[in-house]
Amino acid sequence: MLERERIIEIVVAVSSVFLMLGAMMFIGSEYGGADSALSPEGGELLVGVIVGFILLLTAVGFVLAYLLNDPADGLDEDADAQNAA
């Protein structure tokens, strides 16, 4: 059985990917031409979605690392000991 933290990470990651795919599909349907070519405005929006996805996953990673860090793991003491040496 997977741990609680691992399940949270999986759900957040999959949700983020579905959000990005939905945004890409929306842009493709709204800014796609009759010949299946994407307009310049749509291309700019698509690049914006990709950059936003990268920033979103970075922020989610920091938040999950902060929220799921269990002081009982001893990770903080190990980091302090390495920094002191």
Protein backbone atom coordinates (compact mmCIF):
# COMPACT_ATOMS: atom_id res chain seq x y z
CA MET A 1 0.00 0.00 0.00
CA LEU A 2 1.24 3.46 -0.82
CA GLU A 3 1.94 5.95 1.91
CA ARG A 4 -0.36 8.92 2.42
CA GLU A 5 2.26 11.41 1.29
CA ARG A 6 2.94 9.50 -1.93
CA ILE A 7 -0.79 9.41 -2.75
CA ILE A 8 -1.04 13.18 -2.22
CA GLU A 9 1.94 13.76 -4.52
CA ILE A 10 0.45 11.54 -7.23
CA VAL A 11 -2.97 13.19 -7.07
CA VAL A 12 -1.50 16.69 -7.24
CA ALA A 13 0.81 15.80 -10.13
CA VAL A 14 -1.91 14.09 -12.17
CA SER A 15 -4.33 16.96 -11.51
CA SER A 16 -1.73 19.47 -12.69
CA VAL A 17 -1.12 17.51 -15.88
CA PHE A 18 -4.86 17.28 -16.60
CA LEU A 19 -5.17 21.04 -16.00
CA MET A 20 -2.38 21.71 -18.50
CA LEU A 21 -3.84 19.33 -21.08
CA GLY A 22 -7.26 20.94 -20.69
CA ALA A 23 -5.79 24.39 -21.22
CA MET A 24 -3.90 23.17 -24.30
CA MET A 25 -7.03 21.59 -25.74
CA PHE A 26 -9.01 24.78 -25.10
CA ILE A 27 -6.37 26.90 -26.83
CA GLY A 28 -6.25 24.48 -29.75
CA SER A 29 -10.02 24.54 -30.20
CA GLU A 30 -10.34 28.32 -29.84
CA TYR A 31 -7.31 29.45 -31.81
CA GLY A 32 -6.96 26.61 -34.30
CA GLY A 33 -7.82 27.39 -37.91
CA ALA A 34 -9.79 25.38 -40.42
CA ASP A 35 -6.56 23.80 -41.69
CA SER A 36 -5.59 22.73 -38.15
CA ALA A 37 -2.95 25.45 -37.92
CA LEU A 38 -2.61 27.39 -34.71
CA SER A 39 -2.86 31.17 -34.99
CA PRO A 40 0.02 33.34 -33.71
CA GLU A 41 -2.06 34.41 -30.71
CA GLY A 42 -2.78 30.79 -29.92
CA GLY A 43 0.92 29.97 -30.15
CA GLU A 44 1.74 32.70 -27.66
CA LEU A 45 -0.94 31.42 -25.31
CA LEU A 46 0.37 27.89 -25.69
CA VAL A 47 3.87 29.00 -24.69
CA GLY A 48 2.31 30.83 -21.75
CA VAL A 49 0.52 27.66 -20.65
CA ILE A 50 3.77 25.68 -20.80
CA VAL A 51 5.65 28.32 -18.77
CA GLY A 52 2.74 28.50 -16.33
CA PHE A 53 2.80 24.72 -15.97
CA ILE A 54 6.49 24.78 -15.11
CA LEU A 55 5.96 27.54 -12.54
CA LEU A 56 2.91 25.73 -11.13
CA LEU A 57 4.80 22.49 -10.63
CA THR A 58 7.70 24.36 -9.04
CA ALA A 59 5.34 26.05 -6.57
CA VAL A 60 3.51 22.78 -5.90
CA GLY A 61 6.83 21.05 -5.24
CA PHE A 62 7.86 23.68 -2.69
CA VAL A 63 4.47 23.59 -0.98
CA LEU A 64 4.39 19.80 -0.81
CA ALA A 65 7.96 19.67 0.48
CA TYR A 66 7.04 22.16 3.20
CA LEU A 67 3.73 20.55 4.17
CA LEU A 68 4.80 16.92 3.96
CA ASN A 69 8.12 17.37 5.77
CA ASP A 70 7.75 15.37 8.95
CA PRO A 71 10.12 16.49 11.73
CA ALA A 72 10.09 12.92 13.05
CA ASP A 73 11.94 11.78 9.91
CA GLY A 74 15.13 13.35 11.21
CA LEU A 75 15.83 15.02 7.88
CA ASP A 76 16.30 18.41 9.50
CA GLU A 77 18.90 17.13 11.95
CA ASP A 78 20.81 15.38 9.16
CA ALA A 79 20.91 18.60 7.15
CA ASP A 80 22.03 20.61 10.19
CA ALA A 81 24.78 18.09 10.94
CA GLN A 82 26.06 18.22 7.36
CA ASN A 83 26.04 22.01 7.33
CA ALA A 84 27.94 22.19 10.62
CA ALA A 85 30.71 19.86 9.40
